[in-house]
Amino acid sequence: SLALAEILPLFTKHELLASSPEPLPKTLKRPAV
């Protein structure tokens, strides 16, 4: 059981964008994503 912030570094930027319920611009840098 972990906070979301702890698991995000495990995934690629593409995977993070795909996980968002709200569409995010693909041009965002990873920290912004």
Full PDB file with SEQRES, HELIX, SHEET, SSBOND, CRYST1, ORIGX, SCALE, CONECT and MASTER records, all heavy atoms in Angstrom:
SEQRES   1 A   33  SER LEU ALA LEU ALA GLU ILE LEU PRO LEU PHE THR LYS          
SEQRES   2 A   33  HIS GLU LEU LEU ALA SER SER PRO GLU PRO LEU PRO LYS          
SEQRES   3 A   33  THR LEU LYS ARG PRO ALA VAL                                  
HELIX    1 AA1 LEU A    4  ILE A    7  1                                   4    
HELIX    2 AA2 LEU A    8  LEU A   10  5                                   3    
HELIX    3 AA3 LYS A   13  SER A   19  1                                   7    
CRYST1    1.000    1.000    1.000  90.00  90.00  90.00 P 1           1          
ORIGX1      1.000000  0.000000  0.000000        0.00000                         
ORIGX2      0.000000  1.000000  0.000000        0.00000                         
ORIGX3      0.000000  0.000000  1.000000        0.00000                         
SCALE1      1.000000  0.000000  0.000000        0.00000                         
SCALE2      0.000000  1.000000  0.000000        0.00000                         
SCALE3      0.000000  0.000000  1.000000        0.00000                         
ATOM      1  N   SER A   1       0.852  -1.186   0.000  1.00  0.00           N  
ATOM      2  CA  SER A   1       0.000   0.000   0.000  1.00  0.00           C  
ATOM      3  C   SER A   1       0.893   1.243   0.000  1.00  0.00           C  
ATOM      4  O   SER A   1       1.574   1.523   0.993  1.00  0.00           O  
ATOM      5  CB  SER A   1      -0.914  -0.008   1.230  1.00  0.00           C  
ATOM      6  OG  SER A   1      -1.706   1.162   1.255  1.00  0.00           O  
ATOM      7  N   LEU A   2       0.869   1.965  -1.122  1.00  0.00           N  
ATOM      8  CA  LEU A   2       1.767   3.107  -1.283  1.00  0.00           C  
ATOM      9  C   LEU A   2       1.007   4.300  -1.838  1.00  0.00           C  
ATOM     10  O   LEU A   2      -0.003   4.154  -2.542  1.00  0.00           O  
ATOM     11  CB  LEU A   2       2.914   2.751  -2.242  1.00  0.00           C  
ATOM     12  CG  LEU A   2       3.883   1.658  -1.795  1.00  0.00           C  
ATOM     13  CD1 LEU A   2       4.793   1.265  -2.948  1.00  0.00           C  
ATOM     14  CD2 LEU A   2       4.711   2.134  -0.611  1.00  0.00           C  
ATOM     15  N   ALA A   3       1.525   5.481  -1.554  1.00  0.00           N  
ATOM     16  CA  ALA A   3       0.984   6.697  -2.162  1.00  0.00           C  
ATOM     17  C   ALA A   3       1.299   6.685  -3.652  1.00  0.00           C  
ATOM     18  O   ALA A   3       2.301   6.100  -4.092  1.00  0.00           O  
ATOM     19  CB  ALA A   3       1.590   7.926  -1.501  1.00  0.00           C  
ATOM     20  N   LEU A   4       0.459   7.325  -4.435  1.00  0.00           N  
ATOM     21  CA  LEU A   4       0.645   7.346  -5.884  1.00  0.00           C  
ATOM     22  C   LEU A   4       2.026   7.886  -6.265  1.00  0.00           C  
ATOM     23  O   LEU A   4       2.674   7.373  -7.193  1.00  0.00           O  
ATOM     24  CB  LEU A   4      -0.454   8.196  -6.535  1.00  0.00           C  
ATOM     25  CG  LEU A   4      -0.380   8.357  -8.059  1.00  0.00           C  
ATOM     26  CD1 LEU A   4      -0.488   7.004  -8.747  1.00  0.00           C  
ATOM     27  CD2 LEU A   4      -1.470   9.313  -8.543  1.00  0.00           C  
ATOM     28  N   ALA A   5       2.483   8.900  -5.540  1.00  0.00           N  
ATOM     29  CA  ALA A   5       3.781   9.514  -5.874  1.00  0.00           C  
ATOM     30  C   ALA A   5       4.924   8.510  -5.793  1.00  0.00           C  
ATOM     31  O   ALA A   5       5.940   8.660  -6.495  1.00  0.00           O  
ATOM     32  CB  ALA A   5       4.051  10.692  -4.938  1.00  0.00           C  
ATOM     33  N   GLU A   6       4.784   7.482  -4.979  1.00  0.00           N  
ATOM     34  CA  GLU A   6       5.867   6.509  -4.806  1.00  0.00           C  
ATOM     35  C   GLU A   6       5.972   5.521  -5.956  1.00  0.00           C  
ATOM     36  O   GLU A   6       7.038   4.960  -6.192  1.00  0.00           O  
ATOM     37  CB  GLU A   6       5.688   5.753  -3.488  1.00  0.00           C  
ATOM     38  CG  GLU A   6       5.830   6.626  -2.253  1.00  0.00           C  
ATOM     39  CD  GLU A   6       5.836   5.812  -0.975  1.00  0.00           C  
ATOM     40  OE1 GLU A   6       6.932   5.389  -0.552  1.00  0.00           O  
ATOM     41  OE2 GLU A   6       4.746   5.591  -0.412  1.00  0.00           O  
ATOM     42  N   ILE A   7       4.849   5.302  -6.670  1.00  0.00           N  
ATOM     43  CA  ILE A   7       4.897   4.300  -7.739  1.00  0.00           C  
ATOM     44  C   ILE A   7       5.080   4.914  -9.123  1.00  0.00           C  
ATOM     45  O   ILE A   7       5.465   4.223 -10.067  1.00  0.00           O  
ATOM     46  CB  ILE A   7       3.647   3.398  -7.729  1.00  0.00           C  
ATOM     47  CG1 ILE A   7       2.415   4.160  -8.180  1.00  0.00           C  
ATOM     48  CG2 ILE A   7       3.443   2.781  -6.352  1.00  0.00           C  
ATOM     49  CD1 ILE A   7       1.225   3.259  -8.450  1.00  0.00           C  
ATOM     50  N   LEU A   8       4.815   6.206  -9.276  1.00  0.00           N  
ATOM     51  CA  LEU A   8       4.928   6.830 -10.601  1.00  0.00           C  
ATOM     52  C   LEU A   8       6.301   6.646 -11.241  1.00  0.00           C  
ATOM     53  O   LEU A   8       6.389   6.421 -12.458  1.00  0.00           O  
ATOM     54  CB  LEU A   8       4.586   8.323 -10.510  1.00  0.00           C  
ATOM     55  CG  LEU A   8       3.133   8.670 -10.164  1.00  0.00           C  
ATOM     56  CD1 LEU A   8       2.940  10.186 -10.162  1.00  0.00           C  
ATOM     57  CD2 LEU A   8       2.156   8.007 -11.137  1.00  0.00           C  
ATOM     58  N   PRO A   9       7.423   6.734 -10.485  1.00  0.00           N  
ATOM     59  CA  PRO A   9       8.743   6.580 -11.128  1.00  0.00           C  
ATOM     60  C   PRO A   9       8.965   5.218 -11.777  1.00  0.00           C  
ATOM     61  O   PRO A   9       9.885   5.066 -12.590  1.00  0.00           O  
ATOM     62  CB  PRO A   9       9.726   6.799  -9.963  1.00  0.00           C  
ATOM     63  CG  PRO A   9       8.970   7.625  -8.970  1.00  0.00           C  
ATOM     64  CD  PRO A   9       7.558   7.143  -9.069  1.00  0.00           C  
ATOM     65  N   LEU A  10       8.131   4.228 -11.477  1.00  0.00           N  
ATOM     66  CA  LEU A  10       8.294   2.902 -12.058  1.00  0.00           C  
ATOM     67  C   LEU A  10       7.839   2.834 -13.514  1.00  0.00           C  
ATOM     68  O   LEU A  10       8.213   1.909 -14.243  1.00  0.00           O  
ATOM     69  CB  LEU A  10       7.489   1.872 -11.258  1.00  0.00           C  
ATOM     70  CG  LEU A  10       8.058   1.412  -9.922  1.00  0.00           C  
ATOM     71  CD1 LEU A  10       6.993   0.700  -9.122  1.00  0.00           C  
ATOM     72  CD2 LEU A  10       9.261   0.511 -10.136  1.00  0.00           C  
ATOM     73  N   PHE A  11       7.045   3.801 -13.962  1.00  0.00           N  
ATOM     74  CA  PHE A  11       6.391   3.700 -15.253  1.00  0.00           C  
ATOM     75  C   PHE A  11       6.928   4.740 -16.232  1.00  0.00           C  
ATOM     76  O   PHE A  11       7.439   5.784 -15.849  1.00  0.00           O  
ATOM     77  CB  PHE A  11       4.873   3.853 -15.083  1.00  0.00           C  
ATOM     78  CG  PHE A  11       4.263   2.764 -14.231  1.00  0.00           C  
ATOM     79  CD1 PHE A  11       4.151   2.931 -12.853  1.00  0.00           C  
ATOM     80  CD2 PHE A  11       3.851   1.576 -14.798  1.00  0.00           C  
ATOM     81  CE1 PHE A  11       3.610   1.933 -12.055  1.00  0.00           C  
ATOM     82  CE2 PHE A  11       3.312   0.570 -14.005  1.00  0.00           C  
ATOM     83  CZ  PHE A  11       3.201   0.739 -12.638  1.00  0.00           C  
ATOM     84  N   THR A  12       6.800   4.401 -17.516  1.00  0.00           N  
ATOM     85  CA  THR A  12       7.268   5.314 -18.554  1.00  0.00           C  
ATOM     86  C   THR A  12       6.303   6.489 -18.704  1.00  0.00           C  
ATOM     87  O   THR A  12       5.134   6.433 -18.261  1.00  0.00           O  
ATOM     88  CB  THR A  12       7.364   4.590 -19.907  1.00  0.00           C  
ATOM     89  OG1 THR A  12       6.040   4.216 -20.337  1.00  0.00           O  
ATOM     90  CG2 THR A  12       8.237   3.345 -19.805  1.00  0.00           C  
ATOM     91  N   LYS A  13       6.771   7.520 -19.348  1.00  0.00           N  
ATOM     92  CA  LYS A  13       5.910   8.689 -19.601  1.00  0.00           C  
ATOM     93  C   LYS A  13       4.686   8.281 -20.412  1.00  0.00           C  
ATOM     94  O   LYS A  13       3.563   8.718 -20.126  1.00  0.00           O  
ATOM     95  CB  LYS A  13       6.704   9.771 -20.329  1.00  0.00           C  
ATOM     96  CG  LYS A  13       5.868  10.973 -20.726  1.00  0.00           C  
ATOM     97  CD  LYS A  13       6.674  11.972 -21.546  1.00  0.00           C  
ATOM     98  CE  LYS A  13       5.769  13.037 -22.138  1.00  0.00           C  
ATOM     99  NZ  LYS A  13       6.509  13.991 -22.997  1.00  0.00           N  
ATOM    100  N   HIS A  14       4.865   7.414 -21.404  1.00  0.00           N  
ATOM    101  CA  HIS A  14       3.743   6.952 -22.218  1.00  0.00           C  
ATOM    102  C   HIS A  14       2.702   6.243 -21.357  1.00  0.00           C  
ATOM    103  O   HIS A  14       1.492   6.458 -21.514  1.00  0.00           O  
ATOM    104  CB  HIS A  14       4.256   6.012 -23.309  1.00  0.00           C  
ATOM    105  CG  HIS A  14       3.160   5.405 -24.143  1.00  0.00           C  
ATOM    106  ND1 HIS A  14       2.473   6.105 -25.112  1.00  0.00           N  
ATOM    107  CD2 HIS A  14       2.622   4.144 -24.136  1.00  0.00           C  
ATOM    108  CE1 HIS A  14       1.570   5.326 -25.668  1.00  0.00           C  
ATOM    109  NE2 HIS A  14       1.642   4.124 -25.094  1.00  0.00           N  
ATOM    110  N   GLU A  15       3.164   5.394 -20.427  1.00  0.00           N  
ATOM    111  CA  GLU A  15       2.243   4.679 -19.545  1.00  0.00           C  
ATOM    112  C   GLU A  15       1.522   5.646 -18.609  1.00  0.00           C  
ATOM    113  O   GLU A  15       0.330   5.468 -18.309  1.00  0.00           O  
ATOM    114  CB  GLU A  15       3.007   3.620 -18.736  1.00  0.00           C  
ATOM    115  CG  GLU A  15       3.492   2.448 -19.585  1.00  0.00           C  
ATOM    116  CD  GLU A  15       4.434   1.531 -18.826  1.00  0.00           C  
ATOM    117  OE1 GLU A  15       5.282   2.052 -18.050  1.00  0.00           O  
ATOM    118  OE2 GLU A  15       4.345   0.302 -19.006  1.00  0.00           O  
ATOM    119  N   LEU A  16       2.223   6.636 -18.148  1.00  0.00           N  
ATOM    120  CA  LEU A  16       1.586   7.618 -17.253  1.00  0.00           C  
ATOM    121  C   LEU A  16       0.501   8.398 -17.992  1.00  0.00           C  
ATOM    122  O   LEU A  16      -0.585   8.629 -17.450  1.00  0.00           O  
ATOM    123  CB  LEU A  16       2.643   8.569 -16.684  1.00  0.00           C  
ATOM    124  CG  LEU A  16       3.712   7.944 -15.783  1.00  0.00           C  
ATOM    125  CD1 LEU A  16       4.667   9.021 -15.283  1.00  0.00           C  
ATOM    126  CD2 LEU A  16       3.074   7.223 -14.601  1.00  0.00           C  
ATOM    127  N   LEU A  17       0.780   8.817 -19.214  1.00  0.00           N  
ATOM    128  CA  LEU A  17      -0.225   9.549 -19.994  1.00  0.00           C  
ATOM    129  C   LEU A  17      -1.465   8.679 -20.211  1.00  0.00           C  
ATOM    130  O   LEU A  17      -2.604   9.164 -20.112  1.00  0.00           O  
ATOM    131  CB  LEU A  17       0.367   9.973 -21.336  1.00  0.00           C  
ATOM    132  CG  LEU A  17       1.402  11.103 -21.295  1.00  0.00           C  
ATOM    133  CD1 LEU A  17       2.076  11.256 -22.645  1.00  0.00           C  
ATOM    134  CD2 LEU A  17       0.744  12.417 -20.883  1.00  0.00           C  
ATOM    135  N   ALA A  18      -1.242   7.382 -20.476  1.00  0.00           N  
ATOM    136  CA  ALA A  18      -2.367   6.479 -20.745  1.00  0.00           C  
ATOM    137  C   ALA A  18      -3.211   6.221 -19.497  1.00  0.00           C  
ATOM    138  O   ALA A  18      -4.389   5.870 -19.592  1.00  0.00           O  
ATOM    139  CB  ALA A  18      -1.849   5.161 -21.305  1.00  0.00           C  
ATOM    140  N   SER A  19      -2.618   6.410 -18.315  1.00  0.00           N  
ATOM    141  CA  SER A  19      -3.342   6.126 -17.068  1.00  0.00           C  
ATOM    142  C   SER A  19      -4.214   7.276 -16.604  1.00  0.00           C  
ATOM    143  O   SER A  19      -5.026   7.119 -15.690  1.00  0.00           O  
ATOM    144  CB  SER A  19      -2.340   5.791 -15.956  1.00  0.00           C  
ATOM    145  OG  SER A  19      -1.659   6.974 -15.529  1.00  0.00           O  
ATOM    146  N   SER A  20      -4.080   8.443 -17.222  1.00  0.00           N  
ATOM    147  CA  SER A  20      -4.796   9.629 -16.753  1.00  0.00           C  
ATOM    148  C   SER A  20      -6.259   9.607 -17.193  1.00  0.00           C  
ATOM    149  O   SER A  20      -6.545   9.490 -18.398  1.00  0.00           O  
ATOM    150  CB  SER A  20      -4.132  10.898 -17.280  1.00  0.00           C  
ATOM    151  OG  SER A  20      -4.854  12.038 -16.863  1.00  0.00           O  
ATOM    152  N   PRO A  21      -7.208   9.714 -16.258  1.00  0.00           N  
ATOM    153  CA  PRO A  21      -8.624   9.811 -16.661  1.00  0.00           C  
ATOM    154  C   PRO A  21      -8.892  11.042 -17.520  1.00  0.00           C  
ATOM    155  O   PRO A  21      -9.784  11.025 -18.369  1.00  0.00           O  
ATOM    156  CB  PRO A  21      -9.361   9.917 -15.318  1.00  0.00           C  
ATOM    157  CG  PRO A  21      -8.405   9.354 -14.305  1.00  0.00           C  
ATOM    158  CD  PRO A  21      -7.044   9.714 -14.806  1.00  0.00           C  
ATOM    159  N   GLU A  22      -8.138  12.090 -17.288  1.00  0.00           N  
ATOM    160  CA  GLU A  22      -8.270  13.306 -18.081  1.00  0.00           C  
ATOM    161  C   GLU A  22      -7.145  13.351 -19.103  1.00  0.00           C  
ATOM    162  O   GLU A  22      -5.969  13.193 -18.745  1.00  0.00           O  
ATOM    163  CB  GLU A  22      -8.194  14.544 -17.182  1.00  0.00           C  
ATOM    164  CG  GLU A  22      -9.250  14.561 -16.086  1.00  0.00           C  
ATOM    165  CD  GLU A  22      -9.047  15.735 -15.141  1.00  0.00           C  
ATOM    166  OE1 GLU A  22      -8.201  16.605 -15.452  1.00  0.00           O  
ATOM    167  OE2 GLU A  22      -9.724  15.768 -14.107  1.00  0.00           O  
ATOM    168  N   PRO A  23      -7.443  13.525 -20.377  1.00  0.00           N  
ATOM    169  CA  PRO A  23      -6.392  13.568 -21.405  1.00  0.00           C  
ATOM    170  C   PRO A  23      -5.349  14.652 -21.092  1.00  0.00           C  
ATOM    171  O   PRO A  23      -5.706  15.779 -20.719  1.00  0.00           O  
ATOM    172  CB  PRO A  23      -7.155  13.892 -22.696  1.00  0.00           C  
ATOM    173  CG  PRO A  23      -8.560  13.463 -22.407  1.00  0.00           C  
ATOM    174  CD  PRO A  23      -8.795  13.708 -20.944  1.00  0.00           C  
ATOM    175  N   LEU A  24      -4.091  14.286 -21.240  1.00  0.00           N  
ATOM    176  CA  LEU A  24      -2.993  15.230 -20.999  1.00  0.00           C  
ATOM    177  C   LEU A  24      -2.216  15.440 -22.290  1.00  0.00           C  
ATOM    178  O   LEU A  24      -2.057  14.501 -23.081  1.00  0.00           O  
ATOM    179  CB  LEU A  24      -2.054  14.692 -19.914  1.00  0.00           C  
ATOM    180  CG  LEU A  24      -2.658  14.494 -18.524  1.00  0.00           C  
ATOM    181  CD1 LEU A  24      -1.644  13.810 -17.603  1.00  0.00           C  
ATOM    182  CD2 LEU A  24      -3.090  15.826 -17.931  1.00  0.00           C  
ATOM    183  N   PRO A  25      -1.716  16.658 -22.529  1.00  0.00           N  
ATOM    184  CA  PRO A  25      -0.930  16.909 -23.749  1.00  0.00           C  
ATOM    185  C   PRO A  25       0.329  16.046 -23.783  1.00  0.00           C  
ATOM    186  O   PRO A  25       1.049  15.947 -22.786  1.00  0.00           O  
ATOM    187  CB  PRO A  25      -0.584  18.403 -23.648  1.00  0.00           C  
ATOM    188  CG  PRO A  25      -1.573  18.963 -22.685  1.00  0.00           C  
ATOM    189  CD  PRO A  25      -1.897  17.879 -21.724  1.00  0.00           C  
ATOM    190  N   LYS A  26       0.582  15.434 -24.929  1.00  0.00           N  
ATOM    191  CA  LYS A  26       1.771  14.590 -25.063  1.00  0.00           C  
ATOM    192  C   LYS A  26       3.058  15.400 -25.030  1.00  0.00           C  
ATOM    193  O   LYS A  26       4.147  14.853 -24.849  1.00  0.00           O  
ATOM    194  CB  LYS A  26       1.694  13.785 -26.356  1.00  0.00           C  
ATOM    195  CG  LYS A  26       0.559  12.763 -26.364  1.00  0.00           C  
ATOM    196  CD  LYS A  26       0.551  11.966 -27.665  1.00  0.00           C  
ATOM    197  CE  LYS A  26      -0.582  10.930 -27.650  1.00  0.00           C  
ATOM    198  NZ  LYS A  26      -0.614  10.135 -28.904  1.00  0.00           N  
ATOM    199  N   THR A  27       2.932  16.692 -25.202  1.00  0.00           N  
ATOM    200  CA  THR A  27       4.126  17.562 -25.219  1.00  0.00           C  
ATOM    201  C   THR A  27       4.643  17.870 -23.815  1.00  0.00           C  
ATOM    202  O   THR A  27       5.720  18.450 -23.665  1.00  0.00           O  
ATOM    203  CB  THR A  27       3.806  18.873 -25.941  1.00  0.00           C  
ATOM    204  OG1 THR A  27       2.664  19.477 -25.316  1.00  0.00           O  
ATOM    205  CG2 THR A  27       3.505  18.624 -27.413  1.00  0.00           C  
ATOM    206  N   LEU A  28       3.868  17.514 -22.792  1.00  0.00           N  
ATOM    207  CA  LEU A  28       4.314  17.787 -21.421  1.00  0.00           C  
ATOM    208  C   LEU A  28       5.594  17.023 -21.095  1.00  0.00           C  
ATOM    209  O   LEU A  28       5.765  15.869 -21.494  1.00  0.00           O  
ATOM    210  CB  LEU A  28       3.227  17.385 -20.419  1.00  0.00           C  
ATOM    211  CG  LEU A  28       1.974  18.256 -20.319  1.00  0.00           C  
ATOM    212  CD1 LEU A  28       1.013  17.648 -19.305  1.00  0.00           C  
ATOM    213  CD2 LEU A  28       2.346  19.679 -19.912  1.00  0.00           C  
ATOM    214  N   LYS A  29       6.465  17.678 -20.366  1.00  0.00           N  
ATOM    215  CA  LYS A  29       7.645  16.987 -19.849  1.00  0.00           C  
ATOM    216  C   LYS A  29       7.219  16.034 -18.739  1.00  0.00           C  
ATOM    217  O   LYS A  29       6.168  16.214 -18.111  1.00  0.00           O  
ATOM    218  CB  LYS A  29       8.664  17.992 -19.296  1.00  0.00           C  
ATOM    219  CG  LYS A  29       9.176  18.983 -20.325  1.00  0.00           C  
ATOM    220  CD  LYS A  29      10.070  18.308 -21.347  1.00  0.00           C  
ATOM    221  CE  LYS A  29      10.695  19.340 -22.289  1.00  0.00           C  
ATOM    222  NZ  LYS A  29      11.528  18.686 -23.316  1.00  0.00           N  
ATOM    223  N   ARG A  30       8.054  15.022 -18.492  1.00  0.00           N  
ATOM    224  CA  ARG A  30       7.679  14.011 -17.503  1.00  0.00           C  
ATOM    225  C   ARG A  30       7.328  14.607 -16.138  1.00  0.00           C  
ATOM    226  O   ARG A  30       6.313  14.223 -15.547  1.00  0.00           O  
ATOM    227  CB  ARG A  30       8.789  12.967 -17.362  1.00  0.00           C  
ATOM    228  CG  ARG A  30       8.392  11.856 -16.379  1.00  0.00           C  
ATOM    229  CD  ARG A  30       9.498  10.885 -16.060  1.00  0.00           C  
ATOM    230  NE  ARG A  30       9.006   9.966 -15.054  1.00  0.00           N  
ATOM    231  CZ  ARG A  30       8.479   8.766 -15.313  1.00  0.00           C  
ATOM    232  NH1 ARG A  30       8.396   8.340 -16.553  1.00  0.00           N  
ATOM    233  NH2 ARG A  30       8.033   7.999 -14.338  1.00  0.00           N  
ATOM    234  N   PRO A  31       8.144  15.525 -15.560  1.00  0.00           N  
ATOM    235  CA  PRO A  31       7.776  16.086 -14.252  1.00  0.00           C  
ATOM    236  C   PRO A  31       6.387  16.727 -14.272  1.00  0.00           C  
ATOM    237  O   PRO A  31       5.627  16.614 -13.300  1.00  0.00           O  
ATOM    238  CB  PRO A  31       8.875  17.119 -13.974  1.00  0.00           C  
ATOM    239  CG  PRO A  31      10.051  16.624 -14.766  1.00  0.00           C  
ATOM    240  CD  PRO A  31       9.459  16.036 -15.999  1.00  0.00           C  
ATOM    241  N   ALA A  32       6.044  17.381 -15.371  1.00  0.00           N  
ATOM    242  CA  ALA A  32       4.729  18.020 -15.469  1.00  0.00           C  
ATOM    243  C   ALA A  32       3.625  16.971 -15.538  1.00  0.00           C  
ATOM    244  O   ALA A  32       2.527  17.170 -14.992  1.00  0.00           O  
ATOM    245  CB  ALA A  32       4.680  18.931 -16.692  1.00  0.00           C  
ATOM    246  N   VAL A  33       3.920  15.839 -16.226  1.00  0.00           N  
ATOM    247  CA  VAL A  33       2.935  14.758 -16.288  1.00  0.00           C  
ATOM    248  C   VAL A  33       2.669  14.217 -14.884  1.00  0.00           C  
ATOM    249  O   VAL A  33       1.513  14.011 -14.478  1.00  0.00           O  
ATOM    250  CB  VAL A  33       3.426  13.634 -17.225  1.00  0.00           C  
ATOM    251  CG1 VAL A  33       2.486  12.415 -17.139  1.00  0.00           C  
ATOM    252  CG2 VAL A  33       3.516  14.132 -18.657  1.00  0.00           C  
TER     253      VAL A  33                                                      
MASTER        0    0    0    3    0    0    0    6  252    1    0    3          
END                                                                             
